[in-house]
Amino acid sequence: MSSNLTAVTIISHTQEWVERAVIGLNLCPFAKAVHVKKQIRYVVSTASTHEDLLRDLVIELEALAEISPEKVDTTLVIHPYILTDFLEYNDFLDVVDEALGDMELDDAIQVASFHPQYRFADTQPEDIENYTNRSPYPMLQLLRESSMVRAVEAYPQAEQIFEKNIETLRRMGHTGWEALGLQPLRGKK
């Protein structure tokens, strides 16, 4: 990962991905409302160690827990300089879960995971369904549990979102994904 990327550029790439892929393909039917209301906080961590990333994550968890949902409903903690290898990133998710428990926020905040090399179990690296969770940079999305409950209650058949996303991506294929014109996913192998 090039260290000459600025936080502004990294956030711009991430917002483009949110707009074109997450919202544009309706991969998350709840994302548009918080995007339009400007309730998504984008944070770029410059961490280069697990400890520094955990510190940044704790700061953002505390901030989200304290701020009104009307101001910030979800936070994307983008960490382009660490955990660029998906398996290392995936292992770090256990640390994230432990931090949530230690902070007694595991009933208040969920963490969703996105990575340029995201790979579901039992898939091949370039299977298109992996792209539902592929982002331009490694990131952790902090979601309020209360917001998720309300969104799921308001969305018919929320349990089918994942399957619909896979269908959408299989219809598009890699050519359709590339046609979105997104910045190349960093860290792609």
Protein backbone atom coordinates (compact mmCIF):
# COMPACT_ATOMS: atom_id res chain seq x y z
CA MET A 1 0.00 0.00 0.00
CA SER A 2 1.41 3.32 -0.98
CA SER A 3 1.94 5.52 2.04
CA ASN A 4 1.60 8.67 -0.10
CA LEU A 5 -2.18 8.36 -0.14
CA THR A 6 -3.82 11.06 1.91
CA ALA A 7 -6.71 10.53 4.30
CA VAL A 8 -8.83 12.65 1.95
CA THR A 9 -8.04 10.32 -0.98
CA ILE A 10 -8.68 7.19 1.09
CA ILE A 11 -12.02 8.55 2.29
CA SER A 12 -12.92 9.60 -1.26
CA HIS A 13 -12.24 6.07 -2.57
CA THR A 14 -14.29 4.63 0.29
CA GLN A 15 -17.22 7.01 -0.30
CA GLU A 16 -17.14 6.14 -4.00
CA TRP A 17 -17.34 2.44 -3.09
CA VAL A 18 -20.23 3.12 -0.66
CA GLU A 19 -22.13 5.09 -3.32
CA ARG A 20 -21.51 2.84 -6.34
CA ALA A 21 -21.35 -0.63 -4.81
CA VAL A 22 -22.98 -0.66 -1.37
CA ILE A 23 -25.82 1.75 -2.24
CA GLY A 24 -25.76 1.52 -6.03
CA LEU A 25 -26.13 -2.27 -6.02
CA ASN A 26 -28.31 -2.17 -2.89
CA LEU A 27 -25.89 -4.51 -1.10
CA CYS A 28 -27.02 -2.89 2.14
CA PRO A 29 -30.57 -1.53 1.91
CA PHE A 30 -29.98 0.44 5.12
CA ALA A 31 -26.94 2.39 3.86
CA LYS A 32 -28.67 4.95 1.67
CA ALA A 33 -30.59 6.64 4.48
CA VAL A 34 -27.54 7.18 6.69
CA HIS A 35 -25.47 8.26 3.69
CA VAL A 36 -28.03 10.86 2.59
CA LYS A 37 -28.34 12.16 6.16
CA LYS A 38 -24.53 12.32 6.41
CA GLN A 39 -24.58 10.03 9.45
CA ILE A 40 -21.59 7.94 8.37
CA ARG A 41 -18.32 8.84 10.03
CA TYR A 42 -15.21 7.99 8.00
CA VAL A 43 -12.02 7.59 10.03
CA VAL A 44 -8.62 6.73 8.57
CA SER A 45 -6.33 5.01 11.02
CA THR A 46 -2.62 5.43 10.37
CA ALA A 47 -1.90 2.45 12.62
CA SER A 48 0.95 0.19 11.64
CA THR A 49 0.69 -2.19 14.61
CA HIS A 50 -2.15 -4.24 16.03
CA GLU A 51 -1.89 -2.31 19.29
CA ASP A 52 -2.23 1.05 17.53
CA LEU A 53 -5.21 -0.16 15.52
CA LEU A 54 -6.87 -1.52 18.66
CA ARG A 55 -6.31 1.86 20.35
CA ASP A 56 -7.91 3.67 17.39
CA LEU A 57 -10.79 1.20 17.39
CA VAL A 58 -11.43 1.71 21.12
CA ILE A 59 -11.48 5.48 20.64
CA GLU A 60 -14.05 5.15 17.85
CA LEU A 61 -16.17 2.66 19.79
CA GLU A 62 -16.29 5.07 22.73
CA ALA A 63 -17.10 7.99 20.43
CA LEU A 64 -19.94 6.13 18.71
CA ALA A 65 -21.37 4.98 22.04
CA GLU A 66 -21.42 8.58 23.31
CA ILE A 67 -22.63 10.55 20.27
CA SER A 68 -26.27 10.85 19.23
CA PRO A 69 -27.36 8.49 16.41
CA GLU A 70 -28.83 11.51 14.65
CA LYS A 71 -25.29 12.87 14.27
CA VAL A 72 -23.39 9.61 13.64
CA ASP A 73 -25.19 6.34 13.11
CA THR A 74 -22.26 4.26 11.88
CA THR A 75 -18.49 4.60 11.63
CA LEU A 76 -16.11 3.16 9.07
CA VAL A 77 -12.65 2.70 10.58
CA ILE A 78 -10.42 2.42 7.51
CA HIS A 79 -6.94 1.02 8.19
CA PRO A 80 -4.96 0.91 4.95
CA TYR A 81 -1.52 0.33 6.49
CA ILE A 82 -2.18 -2.74 8.61
CA LEU A 83 -3.98 -6.06 8.22
CA THR A 84 -3.69 -5.88 4.45
CA ASP A 85 -3.45 -9.69 4.40
CA PHE A 86 -6.98 -11.06 4.73
CA LEU A 87 -6.10 -14.02 6.97
CA GLU A 88 -4.29 -11.74 9.42
CA TYR A 89 -7.26 -9.34 9.26
CA ASN A 90 -9.70 -12.19 9.86
CA ASP A 91 -7.73 -13.30 12.93
CA PHE A 92 -7.83 -9.72 14.27
CA LEU A 93 -11.64 -9.87 14.32
CA ASP A 94 -11.32 -12.03 17.47
CA VAL A 95 -9.45 -9.13 19.11
CA VAL A 96 -12.27 -6.80 18.02
CA ASP A 97 -14.89 -9.07 19.59
CA GLU A 98 -12.86 -9.25 22.80
CA ALA A 99 -12.58 -5.44 22.92
CA LEU A 100 -16.35 -5.09 22.50
CA GLY A 101 -16.86 -7.47 25.41
CA ASP A 102 -14.24 -5.78 27.60
CA MET A 103 -15.90 -2.41 26.95
CA GLU A 104 -19.35 -3.92 27.61
CA LEU A 105 -20.48 -2.73 24.19
CA ASP A 106 -21.17 -6.13 22.64
CA ASP A 107 -24.93 -5.60 23.07
CA ALA A 108 -24.77 -2.02 21.79
CA ILE A 109 -22.42 -2.12 18.79
CA GLN A 110 -21.80 -4.67 16.05
CA VAL A 111 -18.71 -4.74 13.88
CA ALA A 112 -19.01 -5.64 10.20
CA SER A 113 -15.88 -6.55 8.26
CA PHE A 114 -14.75 -5.44 4.81
CA HIS A 115 -11.44 -6.09 3.07
CA PRO A 116 -9.99 -5.94 -0.47
CA GLN A 117 -9.28 -9.70 -0.29
CA TYR A 118 -12.45 -10.68 1.57
CA ARG A 119 -13.17 -14.37 1.23
CA PHE A 120 -16.05 -16.35 2.63
CA ALA A 121 -15.39 -19.87 3.87
CA ASP A 122 -15.60 -22.53 1.16
CA THR A 123 -15.06 -20.08 -1.72
CA GLN A 124 -12.21 -19.50 -4.11
CA PRO A 125 -10.36 -16.16 -3.84
CA GLU A 126 -11.89 -14.65 -6.98
CA ASP A 127 -15.43 -16.03 -6.59
CA ILE A 128 -17.75 -13.10 -7.26
CA GLU A 129 -19.78 -13.59 -4.06
CA ASN A 130 -16.72 -12.49 -2.06
CA TYR A 131 -17.16 -9.02 -3.57
CA THR A 132 -20.18 -8.35 -1.33
CA ASN A 133 -17.62 -7.62 1.40
CA ARG A 134 -14.72 -6.37 -0.71
CA SER A 135 -13.78 -2.78 -0.08
CA PRO A 136 -11.01 -0.54 -1.38
CA TYR A 137 -9.13 -0.81 1.93
CA PRO A 138 -9.33 -2.99 5.03
CA MET A 139 -11.99 -1.54 7.30
CA LEU A 140 -14.20 -2.20 10.28
CA GLN A 141 -17.73 -0.85 10.29
CA LEU A 142 -19.13 0.03 13.69
CA LEU A 143 -22.91 -0.33 13.70
CA ARG A 144 -25.34 0.55 16.45
CA GLU A 145 -27.29 -2.54 17.48
CA SER A 146 -30.42 -0.43 18.03
CA SER A 147 -30.23 0.99 14.51
CA MET A 148 -29.78 -2.47 13.04
CA VAL A 149 -32.80 -3.81 14.94
CA ARG A 150 -34.99 -0.93 13.68
CA ALA A 151 -33.72 -1.31 10.12
CA VAL A 152 -34.29 -5.07 10.05
CA GLU A 153 -37.79 -4.68 11.52
CA ALA A 154 -38.64 -2.14 8.80
CA TYR A 155 -37.16 -4.17 5.93
CA PRO A 156 -39.22 -7.10 4.69
CA GLN A 157 -37.28 -10.35 4.47
CA ALA A 158 -34.04 -8.88 5.83
CA GLU A 159 -32.72 -12.41 6.29
CA GLN A 160 -32.58 -12.75 2.50
CA ILE A 161 -30.28 -9.76 1.91
CA PHE A 162 -27.14 -11.91 1.74
CA GLU A 163 -28.65 -14.30 -0.82
CA LYS A 164 -29.95 -11.38 -2.93
CA ASN A 165 -26.49 -9.82 -2.89
CA ILE A 166 -24.91 -13.02 -4.17
CA GLU A 167 -27.54 -13.26 -6.93
CA THR A 168 -26.87 -9.64 -7.93
CA LEU A 169 -23.13 -10.17 -8.12
CA ARG A 170 -23.43 -13.45 -10.01
CA ARG A 171 -25.65 -11.71 -12.58
CA MET A 172 -23.10 -8.90 -12.95
CA GLY A 173 -20.02 -11.05 -12.90
CA HIS A 174 -16.52 -9.61 -12.74
CA THR A 175 -17.13 -7.58 -15.90
CA GLY A 176 -20.14 -5.87 -14.31
CA TRP A 177 -18.20 -5.18 -11.14
CA GLU A 178 -15.36 -3.63 -13.15
CA ALA A 179 -17.93 -1.51 -15.04
CA LEU A 180 -18.74 0.25 -11.75
CA GLY A 181 -15.54 2.18 -12.38
CA LEU A 182 -14.33 1.90 -8.81
CA GLN A 183 -10.75 2.52 -7.87
CA PRO A 184 -8.85 -0.78 -8.02
CA LEU A 185 -9.19 -2.63 -4.77
CA ARG A 186 -5.97 -2.19 -2.84
CA GLY A 187 -4.20 -5.26 -1.60
CA LYS A 188 -5.76 -7.47 -4.25
CA LYS A 189 -3.64 -10.52 -4.90
